[in-house]
Amino acid sequence: MAQPLLQTLLIDGPDGKIELFVDLPAGDTQPSGIALIGHPHPLFGGTADNKVVTTLARSFRGRGCVVLRPSFRGTGGSQGMHDHGDKETDDLLAVLTWAQQQWGELPVTLAGFSFGAYVVARVAKKLADAQHEARWLVLVGTAAGYIEGARSYATEAVAPGTLVIHGATDTTVPLANVLAWAEPLELPVVVVPGADHFFHRKLHILQDIVRRAWPA
């Protein structure tokens, strides 16, 4: 019997259970890669079924990836308390280790939205430091610099091939913050005109950008 295309699991993490949504490729296709996506800030309503996150998931699944959408600690069925990105980084690394035990050493794509992008950039650095670089990194609405709510993010440097996408009218994370972070890295930023932080009515553009940029 074929497995359902969406599975909801609880796996062991560093500080308790992690709720994990697993999107499998269609049919009996063996995954060609693993994609791990970080969701927006859990203290401000961010969840793994956020529309930007699920849009990214569809894009990666369409490329044959098994897609992992974990709930950050304290969100949904995940245990633990919010830790401003530190322990969340460890949680995502644990999810990736679990996935590699299930599907092997497949190429890894990392993606994140907002706070999730900040955490995923940290994950990418940890992997690079361990000489296990991700194939590709996609950051959307990246939390960087000082933003609304007196939060400040010192976002990690990322690889030159990283795809950074931001809305021109984002008032949650101003575009200027992301440009200031990207400039010393000589990192291009794809700006979507008219897009707010959540890409309302622009999700199809987001999906098309990811599709077109998929590494050969």
N, C-alpha and C. Protein backbone atom coordinates (compact mmCIF):
# COMPACT_ATOMS: atom_id res chain seq x y z
N MET A 1 0.84 -1.20 0.00
CA MET A 1 0.00 0.00 0.00
C MET A 1 0.88 1.25 0.00
N ALA A 2 0.53 2.21 -0.85
CA ALA A 2 1.32 3.44 -0.94
C ALA A 2 1.20 4.26 0.32
N GLN A 3 2.30 4.92 0.70
CA GLN A 3 2.28 5.80 1.86
C GLN A 3 1.48 7.06 1.55
N PRO A 4 0.81 7.67 2.55
CA PRO A 4 0.17 8.95 2.31
C PRO A 4 1.21 10.01 1.98
N LEU A 5 0.84 10.98 1.15
CA LEU A 5 1.79 12.00 0.70
C LEU A 5 2.16 12.96 1.82
N LEU A 6 1.31 13.11 2.83
CA LEU A 6 1.62 13.95 3.98
C LEU A 6 1.55 13.10 5.23
N GLN A 7 2.62 13.09 5.98
CA GLN A 7 2.68 12.38 7.25
C GLN A 7 2.95 13.37 8.37
N THR A 8 2.31 13.15 9.50
CA THR A 8 2.58 13.94 10.70
C THR A 8 3.17 13.02 11.75
N LEU A 9 4.38 13.37 12.20
CA LEU A 9 5.12 12.50 13.10
C LEU A 9 5.56 13.27 14.34
N LEU A 10 5.91 12.54 15.37
CA LEU A 10 6.61 13.09 16.53
C LEU A 10 7.94 12.35 16.63
N ILE A 11 9.04 13.08 16.51
CA ILE A 11 10.35 12.45 16.59
C ILE A 11 11.09 13.00 17.80
N ASP A 12 12.13 12.30 18.21
CA ASP A 12 12.91 12.72 19.37
C ASP A 12 13.83 13.88 19.00
N GLY A 13 13.80 14.93 19.83
CA GLY A 13 14.70 16.05 19.68
C GLY A 13 15.59 16.20 20.89
N PRO A 14 16.43 17.20 20.92
CA PRO A 14 17.35 17.40 22.05
C PRO A 14 16.64 17.60 23.39
N ASP A 15 15.46 18.21 23.36
CA ASP A 15 14.74 18.53 24.61
C ASP A 15 13.30 18.05 24.58
N GLY A 16 13.05 16.92 23.94
CA GLY A 16 11.69 16.41 23.88
C GLY A 16 11.27 16.14 22.45
N LYS A 17 9.98 15.94 22.28
CA LYS A 17 9.45 15.59 20.96
C LYS A 17 9.38 16.81 20.04
N ILE A 18 9.62 16.53 18.76
CA ILE A 18 9.47 17.54 17.71
C ILE A 18 8.36 17.08 16.78
N GLU A 19 7.34 17.94 16.62
CA GLU A 19 6.29 17.65 15.64
C GLU A 19 6.85 17.91 14.24
N LEU A 20 6.61 16.97 13.34
CA LEU A 20 7.20 17.05 12.02
C LEU A 20 6.18 16.68 10.95
N PHE A 21 6.00 17.57 9.99
CA PHE A 21 5.18 17.29 8.82
C PHE A 21 6.10 16.88 7.68
N VAL A 22 5.82 15.74 7.10
CA VAL A 22 6.67 15.18 6.04
C VAL A 22 5.85 15.11 4.76
N ASP A 23 6.27 15.85 3.75
CA ASP A 23 5.63 15.82 2.42
C ASP A 23 6.47 14.93 1.52
N LEU A 24 5.89 13.83 1.06
CA LEU A 24 6.61 12.87 0.23
C LEU A 24 6.37 13.15 -1.25
N PRO A 25 7.33 12.80 -2.11
CA PRO A 25 7.10 12.93 -3.56
C PRO A 25 5.90 12.09 -4.00
N ALA A 26 5.29 12.49 -5.08
CA ALA A 26 4.09 11.79 -5.58
C ALA A 26 4.43 10.38 -6.03
N GLY A 27 3.42 9.50 -5.93
CA GLY A 27 3.57 8.13 -6.39
C GLY A 27 4.59 7.35 -5.57
N ASP A 28 5.27 6.44 -6.23
CA ASP A 28 6.28 5.62 -5.57
C ASP A 28 7.68 6.13 -5.86
N THR A 29 7.78 7.40 -6.25
CA THR A 29 9.07 7.99 -6.60
C THR A 29 9.99 8.03 -5.38
N GLN A 30 11.20 7.57 -5.56
CA GLN A 30 12.19 7.69 -4.49
C GLN A 30 12.68 9.13 -4.43
N PRO A 31 12.78 9.69 -3.23
CA PRO A 31 13.21 11.09 -3.13
C PRO A 31 14.59 11.31 -3.75
N SER A 32 14.75 12.44 -4.42
CA SER A 32 16.03 12.82 -4.99
C SER A 32 16.78 13.80 -4.10
N GLY A 33 16.14 14.24 -3.03
CA GLY A 33 16.77 15.19 -2.12
C GLY A 33 15.92 15.34 -0.87
N ILE A 34 16.49 16.01 0.10
CA ILE A 34 15.81 16.33 1.35
C ILE A 34 15.72 17.84 1.46
N ALA A 35 14.52 18.36 1.71
CA ALA A 35 14.33 19.80 1.90
C ALA A 35 13.79 20.04 3.30
N LEU A 36 14.44 20.92 4.04
CA LEU A 36 14.08 21.25 5.41
C LEU A 36 13.70 22.72 5.46
N ILE A 37 12.48 23.01 5.99
CA ILE A 37 11.96 24.38 5.97
C ILE A 37 11.67 24.86 7.39
N GLY A 38 12.17 26.05 7.72
CA GLY A 38 11.89 26.68 9.01
C GLY A 38 10.76 27.69 8.88
N HIS A 39 9.82 27.67 9.84
CA HIS A 39 8.63 28.52 9.76
C HIS A 39 8.81 29.84 10.50
N PRO A 40 7.87 30.78 10.38
CA PRO A 40 7.99 32.09 11.03
C PRO A 40 7.96 32.01 12.56
N HIS A 41 8.13 33.16 13.19
CA HIS A 41 8.29 33.26 14.64
C HIS A 41 7.10 32.67 15.38
N PRO A 42 7.34 31.67 16.23
CA PRO A 42 6.23 31.01 16.91
C PRO A 42 5.51 31.88 17.94
N LEU A 43 6.19 32.89 18.47
CA LEU A 43 5.53 33.77 19.45
C LEU A 43 4.64 34.81 18.79
N PHE A 44 4.68 34.86 17.47
CA PHE A 44 3.86 35.82 16.72
C PHE A 44 2.96 35.09 15.73
N GLY A 45 2.59 33.85 16.08
CA GLY A 45 1.63 33.11 15.27
C GLY A 45 2.21 32.26 14.16
N GLY A 46 3.54 32.16 14.08
CA GLY A 46 4.15 31.38 13.01
C GLY A 46 4.01 29.89 13.22
N THR A 47 3.62 29.18 12.16
CA THR A 47 3.47 27.72 12.22
C THR A 47 4.00 27.08 10.94
N ALA A 48 4.09 25.76 10.98
CA ALA A 48 4.60 25.01 9.83
C ALA A 48 3.62 24.96 8.67
N ASP A 49 2.37 25.39 8.88
CA ASP A 49 1.42 25.43 7.77
C ASP A 49 1.20 26.84 7.25
N ASN A 50 2.11 27.74 7.59
CA ASN A 50 2.10 29.09 7.01
C ASN A 50 2.12 29.00 5.48
N LYS A 51 1.45 29.92 4.81
CA LYS A 51 1.29 29.82 3.35
C LYS A 51 2.61 29.95 2.60
N VAL A 52 3.53 30.77 3.10
CA VAL A 52 4.84 30.85 2.45
C VAL A 52 5.58 29.53 2.59
N VAL A 53 5.50 28.94 3.79
CA VAL A 53 6.17 27.66 4.04
C VAL A 53 5.59 26.56 3.16
N THR A 54 4.27 26.49 3.06
CA THR A 54 3.67 25.43 2.24
C THR A 54 3.89 25.68 0.75
N THR A 55 4.03 26.94 0.35
CA THR A 55 4.38 27.24 -1.05
C THR A 55 5.77 26.72 -1.35
N LEU A 56 6.72 26.97 -0.46
CA LEU A 56 8.07 26.44 -0.65
C LEU A 56 8.04 24.91 -0.68
N ALA A 57 7.24 24.32 0.22
CA ALA A 57 7.16 22.86 0.27
C ALA A 57 6.68 22.29 -1.07
N ARG A 58 5.66 22.91 -1.67
CA ARG A 58 5.17 22.44 -2.97
C ARG A 58 6.26 22.53 -4.03
N SER A 59 7.03 23.61 -3.98
CA SER A 59 8.09 23.79 -4.97
C SER A 59 9.14 22.69 -4.86
N PHE A 60 9.55 22.37 -3.65
CA PHE A 60 10.58 21.36 -3.45
C PHE A 60 10.05 19.96 -3.73
N ARG A 61 8.82 19.71 -3.31
CA ARG A 61 8.22 18.40 -3.56
C ARG A 61 8.10 18.16 -5.07
N GLY A 62 7.80 19.23 -5.81
CA GLY A 62 7.72 19.11 -7.26
C GLY A 62 9.04 18.77 -7.91
N ARG A 63 10.14 18.97 -7.18
CA ARG A 63 11.47 18.62 -7.67
C ARG A 63 11.93 17.27 -7.14
N GLY A 64 11.02 16.53 -6.53
CA GLY A 64 11.33 15.19 -6.09
C GLY A 64 11.90 15.08 -4.69
N CYS A 65 11.87 16.17 -3.93
CA CYS A 65 12.39 16.14 -2.57
C CYS A 65 11.36 15.61 -1.60
N VAL A 66 11.83 14.94 -0.55
CA VAL A 66 11.01 14.74 0.62
C VAL A 66 11.16 16.00 1.46
N VAL A 67 10.03 16.60 1.82
CA VAL A 67 10.05 17.93 2.46
C VAL A 67 9.70 17.80 3.93
N LEU A 68 10.52 18.38 4.78
CA LEU A 68 10.34 18.33 6.23
C LEU A 68 9.96 19.72 6.74
N ARG A 69 8.81 19.78 7.43
CA ARG A 69 8.34 21.04 8.01
C ARG A 69 8.15 20.85 9.52
N PRO A 70 9.21 21.01 10.30
CA PRO A 70 9.08 20.83 11.75
C PRO A 70 8.42 22.04 12.40
N SER A 71 7.71 21.80 13.49
CA SER A 71 7.19 22.88 14.33
C SER A 71 8.27 23.26 15.34
N PHE A 72 8.57 24.55 15.42
CA PHE A 72 9.55 24.98 16.40
C PHE A 72 9.07 24.67 17.81
N ARG A 73 10.01 24.52 18.72
CA ARG A 73 9.70 24.15 20.10
C ARG A 73 8.65 25.09 20.70
N GLY A 74 7.69 24.47 21.40
CA GLY A 74 6.60 25.22 22.00
C GLY A 74 5.46 25.50 21.04
N THR A 75 5.56 25.00 19.81
CA THR A 75 4.53 25.23 18.79
C THR A 75 3.92 23.88 18.39
N GLY A 76 2.59 23.85 18.23
CA GLY A 76 1.94 22.61 17.84
C GLY A 76 2.25 21.50 18.83
N GLY A 77 2.71 20.37 18.32
CA GLY A 77 3.03 19.24 19.18
C GLY A 77 4.48 19.18 19.63
N SER A 78 5.27 20.22 19.33
CA SER A 78 6.68 20.21 19.71
C SER A 78 6.85 20.67 21.16
N GLN A 79 7.67 19.93 21.89
CA GLN A 79 7.93 20.26 23.28
C GLN A 79 9.07 21.26 23.41
N GLY A 80 9.25 21.78 24.62
CA GLY A 80 10.31 22.74 24.86
C GLY A 80 9.81 24.16 24.83
N MET A 81 10.69 25.10 25.16
CA MET A 81 10.36 26.52 25.21
C MET A 81 11.16 27.27 24.16
N HIS A 82 10.55 28.34 23.66
CA HIS A 82 11.20 29.18 22.67
C HIS A 82 12.57 29.65 23.18
N ASP A 83 13.58 29.61 22.29
CA ASP A 83 14.94 29.96 22.71
C ASP A 83 15.62 30.94 21.75
N HIS A 84 14.82 31.74 21.04
CA HIS A 84 15.34 32.83 20.21
C HIS A 84 16.31 32.37 19.12
N GLY A 85 16.20 31.11 18.73
CA GLY A 85 16.99 30.61 17.61
C GLY A 85 18.12 29.67 17.99
N ASP A 86 18.57 29.70 19.23
CA ASP A 86 19.72 28.87 19.62
C ASP A 86 19.35 27.38 19.63
N LYS A 87 18.45 26.99 20.51
CA LYS A 87 18.06 25.59 20.58
C LYS A 87 17.24 25.18 19.37
N GLU A 88 16.56 26.15 18.75
CA GLU A 88 15.84 25.84 17.51
C GLU A 88 16.80 25.35 16.42
N THR A 89 18.01 25.90 16.41
CA THR A 89 19.02 25.44 15.46
C THR A 89 19.36 23.97 15.72
N ASP A 90 19.54 23.63 16.98
CA ASP A 90 19.83 22.24 17.34
C ASP A 90 18.68 21.31 16.95
N ASP A 91 17.45 21.81 17.11
CA ASP A 91 16.28 20.99 16.76
C ASP A 91 16.27 20.68 15.27
N LEU A 92 16.54 21.70 14.44
CA LEU A 92 16.52 21.46 12.99
C LEU A 92 17.64 20.52 12.58
N LEU A 93 18.78 20.62 13.21
CA LEU A 93 19.87 19.69 12.92
C LEU A 93 19.47 18.26 13.30
N ALA A 94 18.73 18.12 14.40
CA ALA A 94 18.24 16.79 14.81
C ALA A 94 17.25 16.24 13.80
N VAL A 95 16.39 17.10 13.27
CA VAL A 95 15.43 16.67 12.24
C VAL A 95 16.17 16.20 10.99
N LEU A 96 17.20 16.94 10.60
CA LEU A 96 17.96 16.56 9.42
C LEU A 96 18.67 15.23 9.63
N THR A 97 19.25 15.03 10.80
CA THR A 97 19.90 13.76 11.11
C THR A 97 18.89 12.60 11.03
N TRP A 98 17.70 12.82 11.58
CA TRP A 98 16.65 11.80 11.51
C TRP A 98 16.31 11.49 10.05
N ALA A 99 16.16 12.52 9.24
CA ALA A 99 15.80 12.32 7.83
C ALA A 99 16.87 11.54 7.09
N GLN A 100 18.12 11.83 7.38
CA GLN A 100 19.20 11.12 6.69
C GLN A 100 19.25 9.65 7.12
N GLN A 101 18.80 9.37 8.33
CA GLN A 101 18.70 7.97 8.75
C GLN A 101 17.58 7.24 7.99
N GLN A 102 16.56 8.00 7.59
CA GLN A 102 15.44 7.40 6.86
C GLN A 102 15.72 7.25 5.37
N TRP A 103 16.33 8.27 4.77
CA TRP A 103 16.46 8.32 3.31
C TRP A 103 17.88 8.35 2.80
N GLY A 104 18.84 8.36 3.69
CA GLY A 104 20.24 8.34 3.27
C GLY A 104 20.81 9.74 3.04
N GLU A 105 22.04 9.76 2.57
CA GLU A 105 22.77 11.02 2.39
C GLU A 105 22.39 11.69 1.06
N LEU A 106 21.15 12.11 0.96
CA LEU A 106 20.69 12.81 -0.24
C LEU A 106 21.09 14.28 -0.19
N PRO A 107 21.14 14.95 -1.34
CA PRO A 107 21.41 16.39 -1.34
C PRO A 107 20.38 17.14 -0.48
N VAL A 108 20.85 18.12 0.27
CA VAL A 108 20.00 18.84 1.22
C VAL A 108 19.75 20.26 0.74
N THR A 109 18.47 20.63 0.71
CA THR A 109 18.06 22.01 0.49
C THR A 109 17.52 22.55 1.81
N LEU A 110 17.99 23.72 2.21
CA LEU A 110 17.50 24.39 3.41
C LEU A 110 16.72 25.62 2.99
N ALA A 111 15.59 25.84 3.64
CA ALA A 111 14.78 27.02 3.34
C ALA A 111 14.14 27.53 4.62
N GLY A 112 13.87 28.82 4.65
CA GLY A 112 13.20 29.38 5.81
C GLY A 112 12.51 30.68 5.48
N PHE A 113 11.51 30.98 6.27
CA PHE A 113 10.74 32.21 6.11
C PHE A 113 10.78 33.00 7.40
N SER A 114 11.19 34.28 7.32
CA SER A 114 11.19 35.20 8.45
C SER A 114 12.13 34.68 9.56
N PHE A 115 11.63 34.46 10.77
CA PHE A 115 12.44 33.88 11.84
C PHE A 115 13.03 32.54 11.39
N GLY A 116 12.27 31.77 10.62
CA GLY A 116 12.77 30.50 10.12
C GLY A 116 13.97 30.67 9.22
N ALA A 117 14.04 31.77 8.47
CA ALA A 117 15.20 32.03 7.62
C ALA A 117 16.43 32.31 8.48
N TYR A 118 16.22 33.06 9.57
CA TYR A 118 17.32 33.34 10.50
C TYR A 118 17.87 32.04 11.08
N VAL A 119 16.98 31.15 11.50
CA VAL A 119 17.41 29.87 12.09
C VAL A 119 18.10 29.00 11.04
N VAL A 120 17.54 28.94 9.85
CA VAL A 120 18.10 28.09 8.80
C VAL A 120 19.48 28.58 8.37
N ALA A 121 19.72 29.89 8.39
CA ALA A 121 21.06 30.39 8.10
C ALA A 121 22.06 29.89 9.13
N ARG A 122 21.62 29.77 10.38
CA ARG A 122 22.48 29.21 11.42
C ARG A 122 22.74 27.72 11.17
N VAL A 123 21.70 27.01 10.76
CA VAL A 123 21.86 25.59 10.43
C VAL A 123 22.86 25.42 9.29
N ALA A 124 22.74 26.26 8.28
CA ALA A 124 23.65 26.17 7.13
C ALA A 124 25.10 26.38 7.56
N LYS A 125 25.33 27.31 8.48
CA LYS A 125 26.70 27.54 8.96
C LYS A 125 27.22 26.33 9.72
N LYS A 126 26.37 25.75 10.57
CA LYS A 126 26.78 24.55 11.32
C LYS A 126 27.17 23.42 10.36
N LEU A 127 26.38 23.22 9.32
CA LEU A 127 26.67 22.18 8.36
C LEU A 127 27.97 22.47 7.60
N ALA A 128 28.15 23.73 7.20
CA ALA A 128 29.37 24.11 6.48
C ALA A 128 30.60 23.93 7.36
N ASP A 129 30.48 24.30 8.62
CA ASP A 129 31.61 24.14 9.55
C ASP A 129 31.99 22.67 9.71
N ALA A 130 30.98 21.79 9.59
CA ALA A 130 31.22 20.34 9.69
C ALA A 130 31.54 19.71 8.33
N GLN A 131 31.71 20.57 7.30
CA GLN A 131 32.02 20.13 5.94
C GLN A 131 30.93 19.22 5.37
N HIS A 132 29.68 19.59 5.70
CA HIS A 132 28.52 18.90 5.14
C HIS A 132 27.57 19.94 4.54
N GLU A 133 28.09 20.77 3.65
CA GLU A 133 27.31 21.88 3.13
C GLU A 133 26.02 21.45 2.46
N ALA A 134 24.99 22.25 2.65
CA ALA A 134 23.73 22.04 1.94
C ALA A 134 23.93 22.34 0.46
N ARG A 135 23.16 21.65 -0.37
CA ARG A 135 23.21 21.91 -1.81
C ARG A 135 22.75 23.33 -2.13
N TRP A 136 21.69 23.79 -1.41
CA TRP A 136 21.08 25.07 -1.75
C TRP A 136 20.40 25.64 -0.53
N LEU A 137 20.36 26.96 -0.47
CA LEU A 137 19.73 27.67 0.63
C LEU A 137 18.78 28.72 0.06
N VAL A 138 17.54 28.71 0.55
CA VAL A 138 16.51 29.66 0.09
C VAL A 138 15.98 30.39 1.32
N LEU A 139 16.13 31.73 1.33
CA LEU A 139 15.69 32.54 2.46
C LEU A 139 14.65 33.55 1.98
N VAL A 140 13.51 33.56 2.65
CA VAL A 140 12.40 34.43 2.26
C VAL A 140 12.03 35.33 3.45
N GLY A 141 11.90 36.63 3.20
CA GLY A 141 11.52 37.55 4.28
C GLY A 141 12.45 37.44 5.47
N THR A 142 13.74 37.36 5.20
CA THR A 142 14.74 37.02 6.22
C THR A 142 14.76 38.01 7.38
N ALA A 143 14.63 37.50 8.60
CA ALA A 143 14.77 38.34 9.79
C ALA A 143 16.23 38.77 9.90
N ALA A 144 16.46 40.08 9.81
CA ALA A 144 17.82 40.62 9.87
C ALA A 144 17.76 42.01 10.48
N GLY A 145 18.72 42.33 11.33
CA GLY A 145 18.78 43.65 11.94
C GLY A 145 17.68 43.87 12.97
N TYR A 146 17.44 45.14 13.27
CA TYR A 146 16.41 45.50 14.26
C TYR A 146 15.06 45.59 13.58
N ILE A 147 14.08 44.87 14.11
CA ILE A 147 12.76 44.87 13.51
C ILE A 147 11.70 45.13 14.58
N GLU A 148 10.48 45.27 14.14
CA GLU A 148 9.35 45.59 15.01
C GLU A 148 9.27 44.63 16.19
N GLY A 149 9.00 45.18 17.38
CA GLY A 149 8.91 44.36 18.58
C GLY A 149 10.21 44.31 19.36
N ALA A 150 11.13 45.24 19.05
CA ALA A 150 12.41 45.35 19.76
C ALA A 150 13.23 44.07 19.67
N ARG A 151 13.14 43.40 18.52
CA ARG A 151 13.96 42.22 18.28
C ARG A 151 15.08 42.56 17.33
N SER A 152 16.25 42.01 17.59
CA SER A 152 17.40 42.28 16.73
C SER A 152 18.05 40.96 16.33
N TYR A 153 18.36 40.81 15.05
CA TYR A 153 18.89 39.56 14.53
C TYR A 153 20.23 39.80 13.84
N ALA A 154 21.26 39.12 14.37
CA ALA A 154 22.58 39.12 13.73
C ALA A 154 22.62 37.88 12.83
N THR A 155 22.07 38.02 11.66
CA THR A 155 21.91 36.88 10.75
C THR A 155 23.26 36.43 10.21
N GLU A 156 23.46 35.11 10.18
CA GLU A 156 24.74 34.55 9.73
C GLU A 156 25.01 34.87 8.26
N ALA A 157 26.29 34.91 7.92
CA ALA A 157 26.69 34.95 6.51
C ALA A 157 26.31 33.62 5.85
N VAL A 158 25.98 33.68 4.57
CA VAL A 158 25.55 32.48 3.85
C VAL A 158 26.35 32.35 2.56
N ALA A 159 26.22 31.19 1.93
CA ALA A 159 26.98 30.89 0.71
C ALA A 159 26.56 31.80 -0.44
N PRO A 160 27.47 32.06 -1.39
CA PRO A 160 27.17 32.96 -2.50
C PRO A 160 25.97 32.54 -3.34
N GLY A 161 25.70 31.24 -3.44
CA GLY A 161 24.60 30.78 -4.29
C GLY A 161 23.24 30.82 -3.62
N THR A 162 23.15 31.38 -2.42
CA THR A 162 21.89 31.43 -1.69
C THR A 162 20.87 32.30 -2.43
N LEU A 163 19.62 31.83 -2.49
CA LEU A 163 18.54 32.60 -3.07
C LEU A 163 17.84 33.37 -1.95
N VAL A 164 17.90 34.68 -2.02
CA VAL A 164 17.28 35.56 -1.02
C VAL A 164 16.13 36.30 -1.70
N ILE A 165 14.93 36.15 -1.16
CA ILE A 165 13.73 36.77 -1.75
C ILE A 165 13.09 37.65 -0.69
N HIS A 166 12.70 38.87 -1.09
CA HIS A 166 12.10 39.79 -0.11
C HIS A 166 11.03 40.64 -0.79
N GLY A 167 10.01 40.97 -0.02
CA GLY A 167 8.95 41.83 -0.52
C GLY A 167 9.32 43.30 -0.45
N ALA A 168 9.01 44.03 -1.52
CA ALA A 168 9.38 45.45 -1.57
C ALA A 168 8.65 46.27 -0.52
N THR A 169 7.45 45.84 -0.13
CA THR A 169 6.65 46.62 0.82
C THR A 169 6.58 45.94 2.19
N ASP A 170 7.56 45.10 2.50
CA ASP A 170 7.60 44.40 3.79
C ASP A 170 7.78 45.43 4.91
N THR A 171 6.82 45.50 5.82
CA THR A 171 6.92 46.41 6.97
C THR A 171 7.32 45.67 8.24
N THR A 172 7.34 44.34 8.21
CA THR A 172 7.78 43.56 9.37
C THR A 172 9.30 43.50 9.42
N VAL A 173 9.89 43.12 8.31
CA VAL A 173 11.35 43.18 8.15
C VAL A 173 11.62 44.12 6.98
N PRO A 174 11.97 45.37 7.24
CA PRO A 174 12.18 46.31 6.15
C PRO A 174 13.23 45.81 5.16
N LEU A 175 12.97 46.06 3.88
CA LEU A 175 13.91 45.64 2.84
C LEU A 175 15.30 46.19 3.11
N ALA A 176 15.39 47.40 3.65
CA ALA A 176 16.70 48.01 3.93
C ALA A 176 17.53 47.15 4.87
N ASN A 177 16.89 46.47 5.82
CA ASN A 177 17.62 45.60 6.74
C ASN A 177 18.31 44.47 5.99
N VAL A 178 17.57 43.85 5.08
CA VAL A 178 18.12 42.71 4.35
C VAL A 178 19.20 43.16 3.38
N LEU A 179 19.02 44.30 2.75
CA LEU A 179 20.05 44.82 1.86
C LEU A 179 21.33 45.15 2.63
N ALA A 180 21.18 45.68 3.85
CA ALA A 180 22.35 45.99 4.67
C ALA A 180 23.10 44.72 5.07
N TRP A 181 22.35 43.64 5.31
CA TRP A 181 22.97 42.36 5.63
C TRP A 181 23.64 41.75 4.40
N ALA A 182 22.98 41.84 3.25
CA ALA A 182 23.46 41.19 2.03
C ALA A 182 24.63 41.93 1.38
N GLU A 183 24.71 43.24 1.55
CA GLU A 183 25.71 44.03 0.82
C GLU A 183 27.15 43.58 1.10
N PRO A 184 27.57 43.46 2.35
CA PRO A 184 28.96 43.03 2.57
C PRO A 184 29.23 41.59 2.11
N LEU A 185 28.18 40.80 1.95
CA LEU A 185 28.32 39.43 1.45
C LEU A 185 28.34 39.38 -0.07
N GLU A 186 28.11 40.55 -0.71
CA GLU A 186 27.98 40.62 -2.17
C GLU A 186 26.94 39.62 -2.67
N LEU A 187 25.81 39.61 -1.95
CA LEU A 187 24.76 38.64 -2.18
C LEU A 187 23.56 39.31 -2.85
N PRO A 188 23.15 38.86 -4.04
CA PRO A 188 21.97 39.45 -4.68
C PRO A 188 20.71 39.17 -3.87
N VAL A 189 19.76 40.09 -3.95
CA VAL A 189 18.46 39.94 -3.31
C VAL A 189 17.39 40.10 -4.39
N VAL A 190 16.50 39.11 -4.50
CA VAL A 190 15.38 39.20 -5.44
C VAL A 190 14.24 39.92 -4.74
N VAL A 191 13.87 41.09 -5.27
CA VAL A 191 12.82 41.91 -4.66
C VAL A 191 11.54 41.77 -5.47
N VAL A 192 10.45 41.44 -4.78
CA VAL A 192 9.16 41.27 -5.45
C VAL A 192 8.35 42.55 -5.26
N PRO A 193 8.12 43.32 -6.32
CA PRO A 193 7.35 44.56 -6.19
C PRO A 193 5.95 44.31 -5.66
N GLY A 194 5.53 45.14 -4.72
CA GLY A 194 4.17 45.04 -4.18
C GLY A 194 3.97 43.95 -3.16
N ALA A 195 5.00 43.17 -2.86
CA ALA A 195 4.85 42.06 -1.91
C ALA A 195 5.09 42.53 -0.50
N ASP A 196 4.18 42.15 0.42
CA ASP A 196 4.38 42.43 1.83
C ASP A 196 5.16 41.27 2.46
N HIS A 197 5.23 41.26 3.78
CA HIS A 197 6.03 40.23 4.45
C HIS A 197 5.50 38.83 4.17
N PHE A 198 4.18 38.69 4.07
CA PHE A 198 3.57 37.38 3.90
C PHE A 198 3.25 37.05 2.45
N PHE A 199 3.67 37.90 1.53
CA PHE A 199 3.51 37.66 0.10
C PHE A 199 2.05 37.42 -0.28
N HIS A 200 1.15 38.18 0.35
CA HIS A 200 -0.27 38.08 0.00
C HIS A 200 -0.45 38.39 -1.49
N ARG A 201 -1.15 37.51 -2.17
CA ARG A 201 -1.44 37.61 -3.60
C ARG A 201 -0.17 37.58 -4.47
N LYS A 202 0.95 37.21 -3.87
CA LYS A 202 2.21 37.12 -4.63
C LYS A 202 2.87 35.75 -4.48
N LEU A 203 2.15 34.79 -3.90
CA LEU A 203 2.75 33.48 -3.67
C LEU A 203 3.11 32.78 -4.97
N HIS A 204 2.32 33.02 -6.02
CA HIS A 204 2.63 32.40 -7.31
C HIS A 204 3.96 32.92 -7.87
N ILE A 205 4.26 34.19 -7.58
CA ILE A 205 5.54 34.76 -8.02
C ILE A 205 6.69 34.13 -7.24
N LEU A 206 6.47 33.99 -5.93
CA LEU A 206 7.48 33.33 -5.09
C LEU A 206 7.79 31.93 -5.60
N GLN A 207 6.74 31.17 -5.89
CA GLN A 207 6.93 29.80 -6.36
C GLN A 207 7.67 29.78 -7.70
N ASP A 208 7.36 30.73 -8.57
CA ASP A 208 8.01 30.77 -9.88
C ASP A 208 9.49 31.13 -9.75
N ILE A 209 9.82 32.05 -8.83
CA ILE A 209 11.22 32.41 -8.62
C ILE A 209 12.02 31.20 -8.18
N VAL A 210 11.47 30.43 -7.23
CA VAL A 210 12.17 29.24 -6.74
C VAL A 210 12.32 28.22 -7.86
N ARG A 211 11.25 28.04 -8.64
CA ARG A 211 11.30 27.05 -9.74
C ARG A 211 12.38 27.41 -10.74
N ARG A 212 12.46 28.68 -11.11
CA ARG A 212 13.41 29.10 -12.12
C ARG A 212 14.86 29.03 -11.62
N ALA A 213 15.04 29.23 -10.31
CA ALA A 213 16.40 29.28 -9.76
C ALA A 213 16.92 27.92 -9.33
N TRP A 214 16.09 26.88 -9.42
CA TRP A 214 16.52 25.55 -8.94
C TRP A 214 17.86 25.17 -9.54
N PRO A 215 18.84 24.78 -8.71
CA PRO A 215 20.18 24.47 -9.25
C PRO A 215 20.17 23.24 -10.15
N ALA A 216 20.93 23.33 -11.21
CA ALA A 216 20.99 22.23 -12.18
C ALA A 216 21.68 21.01 -11.58
